[in-house]
Amino acid sequence: MKLVRLYTGDDNETHIEQHDQMDYFDFTERNNTRTAVQQTHGIVFAKRDTDAPVKFHNATKRQYGLYLSATVELGMGDGSSVVMEPGDILLAEDTTGHGHTSKVLKEGMVIFVRLED
């Protein structure tokens, strides 16, 4: 399972960083099995269906996307893409710039955990 970070670069385009989930987080609590508590500002349960793909857009807020059952392809302005599958985590930080596209490959649920107001 992977963690994908989307961020806006100096070129105003969204870029991708991919990490292994277990290597990305600092497991410092409870015998190194948990991270420290992160402050959140809400949670949204989102049903993703295979309607028309979503054109270029930005993340509305800095947030995590926790892919429970949906499979979604995220596209970048340079033509690259990444497929988010159940168990994957998205850290969406591309709140400015050109943004990314979304195409649902398999209907399902995604939870968005907002990290800022």
PDB file of N, CA and C in Angstrom:
ATOM      1  N   MET A   1       0.850  -1.178   0.000  1.00  0.00           N
ATOM      2  CA  MET A   1       0.000   0.000   0.000  1.00  0.00           C
ATOM      3  C   MET A   1       0.888   1.230   0.000  1.00  0.00           C
ATOM      4  N   LYS A   2       0.431   2.215  -0.742  1.00  0.00           N
ATOM      5  CA  LYS A   2       1.277   3.387  -0.923  1.00  0.00           C
ATOM      6  C   LYS A   2       0.624   4.642  -0.361  1.00  0.00           C
ATOM      7  N   LEU A   3       1.468   5.622  -0.102  1.00  0.00           N
ATOM      8  CA  LEU A   3       1.024   6.967   0.201  1.00  0.00           C
ATOM      9  C   LEU A   3       1.495   7.839  -0.952  1.00  0.00           C
ATOM     10  N   VAL A   4       0.567   8.578  -1.540  1.00  0.00           N
ATOM     11  CA  VAL A   4       0.883   9.465  -2.656  1.00  0.00           C
ATOM     12  C   VAL A   4       0.661  10.892  -2.184  1.00  0.00           C
ATOM     13  N   ARG A   5       1.670  11.718  -2.352  1.00  0.00           N
ATOM     14  CA  ARG A   5       1.561  13.140  -2.020  1.00  0.00           C
ATOM     15  C   ARG A   5       1.454  13.926  -3.316  1.00  0.00           C
ATOM     16  N   LEU A   6       0.389  14.723  -3.453  1.00  0.00           N
ATOM     17  CA  LEU A   6       0.242  15.661  -4.563  1.00  0.00           C
ATOM     18  C   LEU A   6       0.562  17.050  -4.038  1.00  0.00           C
ATOM     19  N   TYR A   7       1.403  17.776  -4.755  1.00  0.00           N
ATOM     20  CA  TYR A   7       1.770  19.126  -4.323  1.00  0.00           C
ATOM     21  C   TYR A   7       1.979  20.003  -5.545  1.00  0.00           C
ATOM     22  N   THR A   8       1.866  21.296  -5.354  1.00  0.00           N
ATOM     23  CA  THR A   8       2.076  22.259  -6.435  1.00  0.00           C
ATOM     24  C   THR A   8       3.538  22.678  -6.460  1.00  0.00           C
ATOM     25  N   GLY A   9       4.188  22.508  -7.620  1.00  0.00           N
ATOM     26  CA  GLY A   9       5.587  22.887  -7.770  1.00  0.00           C
ATOM     27  C   GLY A   9       5.743  24.343  -8.170  1.00  0.00           C
ATOM     28  N   ASP A  10       6.983  24.771  -8.280  1.00  0.00           N
ATOM     29  CA  ASP A  10       7.291  26.144  -8.686  1.00  0.00           C
ATOM     30  C   ASP A  10       6.764  26.462 -10.081  1.00  0.00           C
ATOM     31  N   ASP A  11       6.506  25.423 -10.892  1.00  0.00           N
ATOM     32  CA  ASP A  11       5.990  25.604 -12.247  1.00  0.00           C
ATOM     33  C   ASP A  11       4.464  25.713 -12.278  1.00  0.00           C
ATOM     34  N   ASN A  12       3.825  25.750 -11.088  1.00  0.00           N
ATOM     35  CA  ASN A  12       2.372  25.878 -10.955  1.00  0.00           C
ATOM     36  C   ASN A  12       1.630  24.611 -11.371  1.00  0.00           C
ATOM     37  N   GLU A  13       2.346  23.506 -11.532  1.00  0.00           N
ATOM     38  CA  GLU A  13       1.750  22.221 -11.887  1.00  0.00           C
ATOM     39  C   GLU A  13       1.746  21.297 -10.666  1.00  0.00           C
ATOM     40  N   THR A  14       0.810  20.357 -10.651  1.00  0.00           N
ATOM     41  CA  THR A  14       0.767  19.350  -9.600  1.00  0.00           C
ATOM     42  C   THR A  14       1.795  18.269  -9.887  1.00  0.00           C
ATOM     43  N   HIS A  15       2.511  17.871  -8.856  1.00  0.00           N
ATOM     44  CA  HIS A  15       3.525  16.825  -8.947  1.00  0.00           C
ATOM     45  C   HIS A  15       3.205  15.713  -7.961  1.00  0.00           C
ATOM     46  N   ILE A  16       3.825  14.552  -8.180  1.00  0.00           N
ATOM     47  CA  ILE A  16       3.568  13.356  -7.378  1.00  0.00           C
ATOM     48  C   ILE A  16       4.840  12.932  -6.651  1.00  0.00           C
ATOM     49  N   GLU A  17       4.683  12.582  -5.385  1.00  0.00           N
ATOM     50  CA  GLU A  17       5.702  11.848  -4.634  1.00  0.00           C
ATOM     51  C   GLU A  17       5.039  10.565  -4.153  1.00  0.00           C
ATOM     52  N   GLN A  18       5.688   9.423  -4.360  1.00  0.00           N
ATOM     53  CA  GLN A  18       5.151   8.157  -3.864  1.00  0.00           C
ATOM     54  C   GLN A  18       6.043   7.622  -2.761  1.00  0.00           C
ATOM     55  N   HIS A  19       5.396   7.126  -1.710  1.00  0.00           N
ATOM     56  CA  HIS A  19       6.102   6.584  -0.553  1.00  0.00           C
ATOM     57  C   HIS A  19       5.429   5.291  -0.120  1.00  0.00           C
ATOM     58  N   ASP A  20       6.166   4.452   0.562  1.00  0.00           N
ATOM     59  CA  ASP A  20       5.575   3.324   1.268  1.00  0.00           C
ATOM     60  C   ASP A  20       4.959   3.890   2.546  1.00  0.00           C
ATOM     61  N   GLN A  21       3.733   3.508   2.847  1.00  0.00           N
ATOM     62  CA  GLN A  21       3.051   4.055   4.025  1.00  0.00           C
ATOM     63  C   GLN A  21       3.869   3.858   5.297  1.00  0.00           C
ATOM     64  N   MET A  22       4.458   2.694   5.443  1.00  0.00           N
ATOM     65  CA  MET A  22       5.183   2.383   6.672  1.00  0.00           C
ATOM     66  C   MET A  22       6.457   3.214   6.810  1.00  0.00           C
ATOM     67  N   ASP A  23       6.997   3.706   5.699  1.00  0.00           N
ATOM     68  CA  ASP A  23       8.206   4.518   5.747  1.00  0.00           C
ATOM     69  C   ASP A  23       7.902   6.012   5.862  1.00  0.00           C
ATOM     70  N   TYR A  24       6.694   6.430   5.480  1.00  0.00           N
ATOM     71  CA  TYR A  24       6.359   7.852   5.433  1.00  0.00           C
ATOM     72  C   TYR A  24       6.080   8.427   6.818  1.00  0.00           C
ATOM     73  N   PHE A  25       5.352   7.705   7.628  1.00  0.00           N
ATOM     74  CA  PHE A  25       4.919   8.220   8.923  1.00  0.00           C
ATOM     75  C   PHE A  25       5.962   7.944  10.000  1.00  0.00           C
ATOM     76  N   ASP A  26       5.997   8.823  10.993  1.00  0.00           N
ATOM     77  CA  ASP A  26       6.866   8.632  12.152  1.00  0.00           C
ATOM     78  C   ASP A  26       6.086   7.886  13.226  1.00  0.00           C
ATOM     79  N   PHE A  27       6.363   6.607  13.374  1.00  0.00           N
ATOM     80  CA  PHE A  27       5.708   5.790  14.387  1.00  0.00           C
ATOM     81  C   PHE A  27       6.515   5.915  15.676  1.00  0.00           C
ATOM     82  N   THR A  28       6.151   6.888  16.494  1.00  0.00           N
ATOM     83  CA  THR A  28       6.926   7.205  17.691  1.00  0.00           C
ATOM     84  C   THR A  28       6.177   6.922  18.989  1.00  0.00           C
ATOM     85  N   GLU A  29       4.892   6.684  18.892  1.00  0.00           N
ATOM     86  CA  GLU A  29       4.072   6.465  20.085  1.00  0.00           C
ATOM     87  C   GLU A  29       3.829   4.969  20.297  1.00  0.00           C
ATOM     88  N   ARG A  30       3.478   4.617  21.511  1.00  0.00           N
ATOM     89  CA  ARG A  30       3.054   3.263  21.891  1.00  0.00           C
ATOM     90  C   ARG A  30       3.961   2.185  21.298  1.00  0.00           C
ATOM     91  N   ASN A  31       5.184   2.172  21.759  1.00  0.00           N
ATOM     92  CA  ASN A  31       6.175   1.187  21.306  1.00  0.00           C
ATOM     93  C   ASN A  31       6.403   1.243  19.800  1.00  0.00           C
ATOM     94  N   ASN A  32       6.395   2.456  19.253  1.00  0.00           N
ATOM     95  CA  ASN A  32       6.654   2.683  17.831  1.00  0.00           C
ATOM     96  C   ASN A  32       5.639   2.019  16.920  1.00  0.00           C
ATOM     97  N   THR A  33       4.372   1.941  17.357  1.00  0.00           N
ATOM     98  CA  THR A  33       3.313   1.359  16.538  1.00  0.00           C
ATOM     99  C   THR A  33       2.261   2.380  16.134  1.00  0.00           C
ATOM    100  N   ARG A  34       2.371   3.618  16.630  1.00  0.00           N
ATOM    101  CA  ARG A  34       1.409   4.670  16.292  1.00  0.00           C
ATOM    102  C   ARG A  34       2.137   5.988  16.079  1.00  0.00           C
ATOM    103  N   THR A  35       1.507   6.836  15.284  1.00  0.00           N
ATOM    104  CA  THR A  35       2.027   8.191  15.117  1.00  0.00           C
ATOM    105  C   THR A  35       1.484   9.069  16.240  1.00  0.00           C
ATOM    106  N   ALA A  36       2.058  10.236  16.381  1.00  0.00           N
ATOM    107  CA  ALA A  36       1.479  11.228  17.286  1.00  0.00           C
ATOM    108  C   ALA A  36       0.140  11.669  16.709  1.00  0.00           C
ATOM    109  N   VAL A  37      -0.733  12.174  17.552  1.00  0.00           N
ATOM    110  CA  VAL A  37      -2.046  12.641  17.109  1.00  0.00           C
ATOM    111  C   VAL A  37      -1.873  13.823  16.165  1.00  0.00           C
ATOM    112  N   GLN A  38      -2.592  13.801  15.047  1.00  0.00           N
ATOM    113  CA  GLN A  38      -2.608  14.920  14.107  1.00  0.00           C
ATOM    114  C   GLN A  38      -3.940  15.640  14.246  1.00  0.00           C
ATOM    115  N   GLN A  39      -3.902  16.957  14.281  1.00  0.00           N
ATOM    116  CA  GLN A  39      -5.119  17.746  14.358  1.00  0.00           C
ATOM    117  C   GLN A  39      -5.856  17.685  13.022  1.00  0.00           C
ATOM    118  N   THR A  40      -7.173  17.553  13.078  1.00  0.00           N
ATOM    119  CA  THR A  40      -7.987  17.530  11.871  1.00  0.00           C
ATOM    120  C   THR A  40      -9.111  18.550  11.997  1.00  0.00           C
ATOM    121  N   HIS A  41      -9.746  18.849  10.864  1.00  0.00           N
ATOM    122  CA  HIS A  41     -10.817  19.847  10.829  1.00  0.00           C
ATOM    123  C   HIS A  41     -12.056  19.311  10.142  1.00  0.00           C
ATOM    124  N   GLY A  42     -12.263  18.028  10.190  1.00  0.00           N
ATOM    125  CA  GLY A  42     -13.469  17.453   9.613  1.00  0.00           C
ATOM    126  C   GLY A  42     -13.157  16.224   8.795  1.00  0.00           C
ATOM    127  N   ILE A  43     -14.212  15.477   8.541  1.00  0.00           N
ATOM    128  CA  ILE A  43     -14.108  14.250   7.777  1.00  0.00           C
ATOM    129  C   ILE A  43     -15.293  14.186   6.815  1.00  0.00           C
ATOM    130  N   VAL A  44     -15.030  13.741   5.600  1.00  0.00           N
ATOM    131  CA  VAL A  44     -16.064  13.640   4.570  1.00  0.00           C
ATOM    132  C   VAL A  44     -16.029  12.222   4.015  1.00  0.00           C
ATOM    133  N   PHE A  45     -17.195  11.575   3.971  1.00  0.00           N
ATOM    134  CA  PHE A  45     -17.332  10.275   3.321  1.00  0.00           C
ATOM    135  C   PHE A  45     -17.815  10.536   1.903  1.00  0.00           C
ATOM    136  N   ALA A  46     -17.059  10.087   0.916  1.00  0.00           N
ATOM    137  CA  ALA A  46     -17.383  10.393  -0.475  1.00  0.00           C
ATOM    138  C   ALA A  46     -17.585   9.112  -1.277  1.00  0.00           C
ATOM    139  N   LYS A  47     -18.748   9.012  -1.905  1.00  0.00           N
ATOM    140  CA  LYS A  47     -19.014   7.907  -2.820  1.00  0.00           C
ATOM    141  C   LYS A  47     -18.466   8.309  -4.179  1.00  0.00           C
ATOM    142  N   ARG A  48     -17.630   7.487  -4.732  1.00  0.00           N
ATOM    143  CA  ARG A  48     -17.069   7.746  -6.051  1.00  0.00           C
ATOM    144  C   ARG A  48     -17.742   6.807  -7.046  1.00  0.00           C
ATOM    145  N   ASP A  49     -18.325   7.394  -8.099  1.00  0.00           N
ATOM    146  CA  ASP A  49     -18.933   6.559  -9.125  1.00  0.00           C
ATOM    147  C   ASP A  49     -18.295   6.863 -10.468  1.00  0.00           C
ATOM    148  N   THR A  50     -18.599   6.058 -11.451  1.00  0.00           N
ATOM    149  CA  THR A  50     -17.913   6.126 -12.738  1.00  0.00           C
ATOM    150  C   THR A  50     -18.570   7.091 -13.717  1.00  0.00           C
ATOM    151  N   ASP A  51     -19.171   8.161 -13.201  1.00  0.00           N
ATOM    152  CA  ASP A  51     -19.661   9.212 -14.090  1.00  0.00           C
ATOM    153  C   ASP A  51     -18.473   9.805 -14.839  1.00  0.00           C
ATOM    154  N   ALA A  52     -18.701  10.872 -15.544  1.00  0.00           N
ATOM    155  CA  ALA A  52     -17.647  11.516 -16.350  1.00  0.00           C
ATOM    156  C   ALA A  52     -16.434  11.848 -15.483  1.00  0.00           C
ATOM    157  N   PRO A  53     -15.228  11.734 -16.053  1.00  0.00           N
ATOM    158  CA  PRO A  53     -14.021  12.109 -15.312  1.00  0.00           C
ATOM    159  C   PRO A  53     -14.094  13.581 -14.872  1.00  0.00           C
ATOM    160  N   VAL A  54     -13.431  13.881 -13.764  1.00  0.00           N
ATOM    161  CA  VAL A  54     -13.380  15.249 -13.265  1.00  0.00           C
ATOM    162  C   VAL A  54     -12.182  15.942 -13.900  1.00  0.00           C
ATOM    163  N   LYS A  55     -12.447  17.064 -14.558  1.00  0.00           N
ATOM    164  CA  LYS A  55     -11.380  17.826 -15.215  1.00  0.00           C
ATOM    165  C   LYS A  55     -10.425  18.392 -14.180  1.00  0.00           C
ATOM    166  N   PHE A  56      -9.405  19.103 -14.622  1.00  0.00           N
ATOM    167  CA  PHE A  56      -8.388  19.624 -13.717  1.00  0.00           C
ATOM    168  C   PHE A  56      -9.026  20.434 -12.597  1.00  0.00           C
ATOM    169  N   HIS A  57      -8.614  20.117 -11.396  1.00  0.00           N
ATOM    170  CA  HIS A  57      -9.117  20.792 -10.196  1.00  0.00           C
ATOM    171  C   HIS A  57      -8.047  20.697  -9.115  1.00  0.00           C
ATOM    172  N   ASN A  58      -8.185  21.528  -8.115  1.00  0.00           N
ATOM    173  CA  ASN A  58      -7.276  21.513  -6.969  1.00  0.00           C
ATOM    174  C   ASN A  58      -7.950  20.818  -5.796  1.00  0.00           C
ATOM    175  N   ALA A  59      -7.155  20.388  -4.854  1.00  0.00           N
ATOM    176  CA  ALA A  59      -7.703  19.926  -3.584  1.00  0.00           C
ATOM    177  C   ALA A  59      -8.350  21.140  -2.917  1.00  0.00           C
ATOM    178  N   THR A  60      -9.538  20.949  -2.360  1.00  0.00           N
ATOM    179  CA  THR A  60     -10.238  22.071  -1.727  1.00  0.00           C
ATOM    180  C   THR A  60      -9.551  22.520  -0.456  1.00  0.00           C
ATOM    181  N   LYS A  61      -8.927  21.606   0.216  1.00  0.00           N
ATOM    182  CA  LYS A  61      -8.174  21.847   1.447  1.00  0.00           C
ATOM    183  C   LYS A  61      -7.015  20.867   1.476  1.00  0.00           C
ATOM    184  N   ARG A  62      -6.022  21.153   2.283  1.00  0.00           N
ATOM    185  CA  ARG A  62      -4.980  20.161   2.535  1.00  0.00           C
ATOM    186  C   ARG A  62      -5.659  19.016   3.275  1.00  0.00           C
ATOM    187  N   GLN A  63      -5.538  17.791   2.736  1.00  0.00           N
ATOM    188  CA  GLN A  63      -6.310  16.689   3.298  1.00  0.00           C
ATOM    189  C   GLN A  63      -5.720  15.336   2.924  1.00  0.00           C
ATOM    190  N   TYR A  64      -6.084  14.343   3.734  1.00  0.00           N
ATOM    191  CA  TYR A  64      -5.805  12.960   3.401  1.00  0.00           C
ATOM    192  C   TYR A  64      -7.009  12.378   2.683  1.00  0.00           C
ATOM    193  N   GLY A  65      -6.777  11.521   1.714  1.00  0.00           N
ATOM    194  CA  GLY A  65      -7.817  10.697   1.109  1.00  0.00           C
ATOM    195  C   GLY A  65      -7.495   9.254   1.433  1.00  0.00           C
ATOM    196  N   LEU A  66      -8.414   8.579   2.101  1.00  0.00           N
ATOM    197  CA  LEU A  66      -8.228   7.185   2.484  1.00  0.00           C
ATOM    198  C   LEU A  66      -9.116   6.331   1.580  1.00  0.00           C
ATOM    199  N   TYR A  67      -8.514   5.597   0.693  1.00  0.00           N
ATOM    200  CA  TYR A  67      -9.254   4.832  -0.309  1.00  0.00           C
ATOM    201  C   TYR A  67      -9.713   3.508   0.305  1.00  0.00           C
ATOM    202  N   LEU A  68     -11.020   3.435   0.585  1.00  0.00           N
ATOM    203  CA  LEU A  68     -11.582   2.236   1.206  1.00  0.00           C
ATOM    204  C   LEU A  68     -11.919   1.172   0.172  1.00  0.00           C
ATOM    205  N   SER A  69     -12.694   1.558  -0.848  1.00  0.00           N
ATOM    206  CA  SER A  69     -13.112   0.570  -1.852  1.00  0.00           C
ATOM    207  C   SER A  69     -13.059   1.104  -3.283  1.00  0.00           C
ATOM    208  N   ALA A  70     -12.888   2.390  -3.471  1.00  0.00           N
ATOM    209  CA  ALA A  70     -12.820   2.982  -4.816  1.00  0.00           C
ATOM    210  C   ALA A  70     -11.419   2.827  -5.399  1.00  0.00           C
ATOM    211  N   THR A  71     -11.353   2.766  -6.718  1.00  0.00           N
ATOM    212  CA  THR A  71     -10.088   2.828  -7.452  1.00  0.00           C
ATOM    213  C   THR A  71     -10.181   4.040  -8.372  1.00  0.00           C
ATOM    214  N   VAL A  72      -9.237   4.973  -8.235  1.00  0.00           N
ATOM    215  CA  VAL A  72      -9.295   6.252  -8.941  1.00  0.00           C
ATOM    216  C   VAL A  72      -7.936   6.555  -9.557  1.00  0.00           C
ATOM    217  N   GLU A  73      -7.951   6.958 -10.830  1.00  0.00           N
ATOM    218  CA  GLU A  73      -6.728   7.386 -11.503  1.00  0.00           C
ATOM    219  C   GLU A  73      -6.625   8.902 -11.398  1.00  0.00           C
ATOM    220  N   LEU A  74      -5.507   9.392 -10.862  1.00  0.00           N
ATOM    221  CA  LEU A  74      -5.244  10.821 -10.757  1.00  0.00           C
ATOM    222  C   LEU A  74      -4.256  11.208 -11.845  1.00  0.00           C
ATOM    223  N   GLY A  75      -4.603  12.214 -12.660  1.00  0.00           N
ATOM    224  CA  GLY A  75      -3.761  12.633 -13.774  1.00  0.00           C
ATOM    225  C   GLY A  75      -3.114  13.976 -13.524  1.00  0.00           C
ATOM    226  N   MET A  76      -1.881  14.128 -14.001  1.00  0.00           N
ATOM    227  CA  MET A  76      -1.135  15.376 -13.848  1.00  0.00           C
ATOM    228  C   MET A  76      -1.051  16.096 -15.190  1.00  0.00           C
ATOM    229  N   GLY A  77      -0.697  17.353 -15.155  1.00  0.00           N
ATOM    230  CA  GLY A  77      -0.602  18.171 -16.357  1.00  0.00           C
ATOM    231  C   GLY A  77       0.444  17.691 -17.346  1.00  0.00           C
ATOM    232  N   ASP A  78       1.470  16.975 -16.866  1.00  0.00           N
ATOM    233  CA  ASP A  78       2.518  16.486 -17.771  1.00  0.00           C
ATOM    234  C   ASP A  78       2.164  15.154 -18.424  1.00  0.00           C
ATOM    235  N   GLY A  79       0.939  14.656 -18.157  1.00  0.00           N
ATOM    236  CA  GLY A  79       0.498  13.400 -18.751  1.00  0.00           C
ATOM    237  C   GLY A  79       0.727  12.186 -17.875  1.00  0.00           C
ATOM    238  N   SER A  80       1.475  12.348 -16.788  1.00  0.00           N
ATOM    239  CA  SER A  80       1.684  11.211 -15.887  1.00  0.00           C
ATOM    240  C   SER A  80       0.432  10.994 -15.037  1.00  0.00           C
ATOM    241  N   SER A  81       0.338   9.811 -14.455  1.00  0.00           N
ATOM    242  CA  SER A  81      -0.820   9.510 -13.616  1.00  0.00           C
ATOM    243  C   SER A  81      -0.426   8.489 -12.562  1.00  0.00           C
ATOM    244  N   VAL A  82      -1.291   8.345 -11.584  1.00  0.00           N
ATOM    245  CA  VAL A  82      -1.125   7.341 -10.545  1.00  0.00           C
ATOM    246  C   VAL A  82      -2.508   6.778 -10.242  1.00  0.00           C
ATOM    247  N   VAL A  83      -2.575   5.482 -10.018  1.00  0.00           N
ATOM    248  CA  VAL A  83      -3.842   4.830  -9.692  1.00  0.00           C
ATOM    249  C   VAL A  83      -3.879   4.600  -8.180  1.00  0.00           C
ATOM    250  N   MET A  84      -4.926   5.135  -7.556  1.00  0.00           N
ATOM    251  CA  MET A  84      -5.145   4.956  -6.125  1.00  0.00           C
ATOM    252  C   MET A  84      -6.108   3.783  -5.946  1.00  0.00           C
ATOM    253  N   GLU A  85      -5.695   2.809  -5.141  1.00  0.00           N
ATOM    254  CA  GLU A  85      -6.476   1.597  -4.943  1.00  0.00           C
ATOM    255  C   GLU A  85      -6.855   1.456  -3.473  1.00  0.00           C
ATOM    256  N   PRO A  86      -7.827   0.586  -3.170  1.00  0.00           N
ATOM    257  CA  PRO A  86      -8.196   0.392  -1.774  1.00  0.00           C
ATOM    258  C   PRO A  86      -6.970   0.108  -0.901  1.00  0.00           C
ATOM    259  N   GLY A  87      -6.892   0.822   0.210  1.00  0.00           N
ATOM    260  CA  GLY A  87      -5.755   0.714   1.113  1.00  0.00           C
ATOM    261  C   GLY A  87      -4.733   1.812   0.927  1.00  0.00           C
ATOM    262  N   ASP A  88      -4.766   2.505  -0.214  1.00  0.00           N
ATOM    263  CA  ASP A  88      -3.828   3.600  -0.467  1.00  0.00           C
ATOM    264  C   ASP A  88      -4.265   4.867   0.256  1.00  0.00           C
ATOM    265  N   ILE A  89      -3.285   5.735   0.519  1.00  0.00           N
ATOM    266  CA  ILE A  89      -3.529   7.025   1.162  1.00  0.00           C
ATOM    267  C   ILE A  89      -3.038   8.130   0.248  1.00  0.00           C
ATOM    268  N   LEU A  90      -3.861   9.141   0.077  1.00  0.00           N
ATOM    269  CA  LEU A  90      -3.493  10.337  -0.682  1.00  0.00           C
ATOM    270  C   LEU A  90      -3.280  11.476   0.301  1.00  0.00           C
ATOM    271  N   LEU A  91      -2.181  12.209   0.156  1.00  0.00           N
ATOM    272  CA  LEU A  91      -1.987  13.466   0.873  1.00  0.00           C
ATOM    273  C   LEU A  91      -2.085  14.560  -0.179  1.00  0.00           C
ATOM    274  N   ALA A  92      -3.239  15.204  -0.250  1.00  0.00           N
ATOM    275  CA  ALA A  92      -3.499  16.220  -1.280  1.00  0.00           C
ATOM    276  C   ALA A  92      -3.118  17.581  -0.736  1.00  0.00           C
ATOM    277  N   GLU A  93      -2.074  18.153  -1.319  1.00  0.00           N
ATOM    278  CA  GLU A  93      -1.598  19.477  -0.915  1.00  0.00           C
ATOM    279  C   GLU A  93      -1.541  20.435  -2.107  1.00  0.00           C
ATOM    280  N   ASP A  94      -2.129  20.038  -3.224  1.00  0.00           N
ATOM    281  CA  ASP A  94      -2.108  20.886  -4.426  1.00  0.00           C
ATOM    282  C   ASP A  94      -3.334  21.811  -4.428  1.00  0.00           C
ATOM    283  N   THR A  95      -3.382  22.703  -3.447  1.00  0.00           N
ATOM    284  CA  THR A  95      -4.529  23.609  -3.290  1.00  0.00           C
ATOM    285  C   THR A  95      -4.439  24.829  -4.200  1.00  0.00           C
ATOM    286  N   THR A  96      -3.332  24.976  -4.906  1.00  0.00           N
ATOM    287  CA  THR A  96      -3.154  26.070  -5.871  1.00  0.00           C
ATOM    288  C   THR A  96      -2.627  25.477  -7.168  1.00  0.00           C
ATOM    289  N   GLY A  97      -2.546  26.305  -8.202  1.00  0.00           N
ATOM    290  CA  GLY A  97      -1.965  25.856  -9.457  1.00  0.00           C
ATOM    291  C   GLY A  97      -2.961  25.179 -10.377  1.00  0.00           C
ATOM    292  N   HIS A  98      -2.427  24.427 -11.336  1.00  0.00           N
ATOM    293  CA  HIS A  98      -3.207  23.783 -12.388  1.00  0.00           C
ATOM    294  C   HIS A  98      -4.073  22.648 -11.877  1.00  0.00           C
ATOM    295  N   GLY A  99      -3.596  21.933 -10.856  1.00  0.00           N
ATOM    296  CA  GLY A  99      -4.378  20.855 -10.274  1.00  0.00           C
ATOM    297  C   GLY A  99      -4.175  19.516 -10.958  1.00  0.00           C
ATOM    298  N   HIS A 100      -5.112  18.612 -10.714  1.00  0.00           N
ATOM    299  CA  HIS A 100      -5.049  17.238 -11.208  1.00  0.00           C
ATOM    300  C   HIS A 100      -6.437  16.812 -11.678  1.00  0.00           C
ATOM    301  N   THR A 101      -6.483  15.726 -12.436  1.00  0.00           N
ATOM    302  CA  THR A 101      -7.760  15.154 -12.863  1.00  0.00           C
ATOM    303  C   THR A 101      -8.048  13.916 -12.029  1.00  0.00           C
ATOM    304  N   SER A 102      -9.312  13.488 -12.045  1.00  0.00           N
ATOM    305  CA  SER A 102      -9.715  12.260 -11.356  1.00  0.00           C
ATOM    306  C   SER A 102     -10.614  11.453 -12.280  1.00  0.00           C
ATOM    307  N   LYS A 103     -10.304  10.176 -12.412  1.00  0.00           N
ATOM    308  CA  LYS A 103     -11.139   9.274 -13.205  1.00  0.00           C
ATOM    309  C   LYS A 103     -11.384   8.020 -12.374  1.00  0.00           C
ATOM    310  N   VAL A 104     -12.644   7.760 -12.056  1.00  0.00           N
ATOM    311  CA  VAL A 104     -12.992   6.602 -11.244  1.00  0.00           C
ATOM    312  C   VAL A 104     -12.930   5.355 -12.119  1.00  0.00           C
ATOM    313  N   LEU A 105     -12.119   4.399 -11.721  1.00  0.00           N
ATOM    314  CA  LEU A 105     -11.991   3.134 -12.438  1.00  0.00           C
ATOM    315  C   LEU A 105     -12.881   2.058 -11.833  1.00  0.00           C
ATOM    316  N   LYS A 106     -13.119   2.164 -10.516  1.00  0.00           N
ATOM    317  CA  LYS A 106     -14.001   1.233  -9.811  1.00  0.00           C
ATOM    318  C   LYS A 106     -14.749   2.017  -8.745  1.00  0.00           C
ATOM    319  N   GLU A 107     -16.066   1.937  -8.792  1.00  0.00           N
ATOM    320  CA  GLU A 107     -16.891   2.670  -7.831  1.00  0.00           C
ATOM    321  C   GLU A 107     -16.593   2.224  -6.411  1.00  0.00           C
ATOM    322  N   GLY A 108     -16.759   3.152  -5.482  1.00  0.00           N
ATOM    323  CA  GLY A 108     -16.546   2.811  -4.082  1.00  0.00           C
ATOM    324  C   GLY A 108     -16.484   4.045  -3.209  1.00  0.00           C
ATOM    325  N   MET A 109     -15.911   3.882  -2.024  1.00  0.00           N
ATOM    326  CA  MET A 109     -15.893   4.914  -0.999  1.00  0.00           C
ATOM    327  C   MET A 109     -14.471   5.408  -0.747  1.00  0.00           C
ATOM    328  N   VAL A 110     -14.376   6.738  -0.541  1.00  0.00           N
ATOM    329  CA  VAL A 110     -13.136   7.384  -0.127  1.00  0.00           C
ATOM    330  C   VAL A 110     -13.479   8.270   1.068  1.00  0.00           C
ATOM    331  N   ILE A 111     -12.634   8.262   2.070  1.00  0.00           N
ATOM    332  CA  ILE A 111     -12.798   9.173   3.201  1.00  0.00           C
ATOM    333  C   ILE A 111     -11.766  10.279   3.067  1.00  0.00           C
ATOM    334  N   PHE A 112     -12.227  11.532   3.140  1.00  0.00           N
ATOM    335  CA  PHE A 112     -11.326  12.683   3.123  1.00  0.00           C
ATOM    336  C   PHE A 112     -11.246  13.250   4.538  1.00  0.00           C
ATOM    337  N   VAL A 113     -10.022  13.360   5.049  1.00  0.00           N
ATOM    338  CA  VAL A 113      -9.784  13.896   6.378  1.00  0.00           C
ATOM    339  C   VAL A 113      -9.104  15.245   6.196  1.00  0.00           C
ATOM    340  N   ARG A 114      -9.831  16.316   6.484  1.00  0.00           N
ATOM    341  CA  ARG A 114      -9.301  17.661   6.276  1.00  0.00           C
ATOM    342  C   ARG A 114      -8.315  18.034   7.378  1.00  0.00           C
ATOM    343  N   LEU A 115      -7.159  18.542   6.952  1.00  0.00           N
ATOM    344  CA  LEU A 115      -6.102  18.902   7.881  1.00  0.00           C
ATOM    345  C   LEU A 115      -6.073  20.397   8.174  1.00  0.00           C
ATOM    346  N   GLU A 116      -6.929  21.156   7.525  1.00  0.00           N
ATOM    347  CA  GLU A 116      -7.016  22.596   7.776  1.00  0.00           C
ATOM    348  C   GLU A 116      -8.434  23.054   7.491  1.00  0.00           C
ATOM    349  N   ASP A 117      -8.796  24.224   8.045  1.00  0.00           N
ATOM    350  CA  ASP A 117     -10.116  24.803   7.794  1.00  0.00           C
ATOM    351  C   ASP A 117     -10.209  25.369   6.408  1.00  0.00           C
TER     352      ASP A 117
END
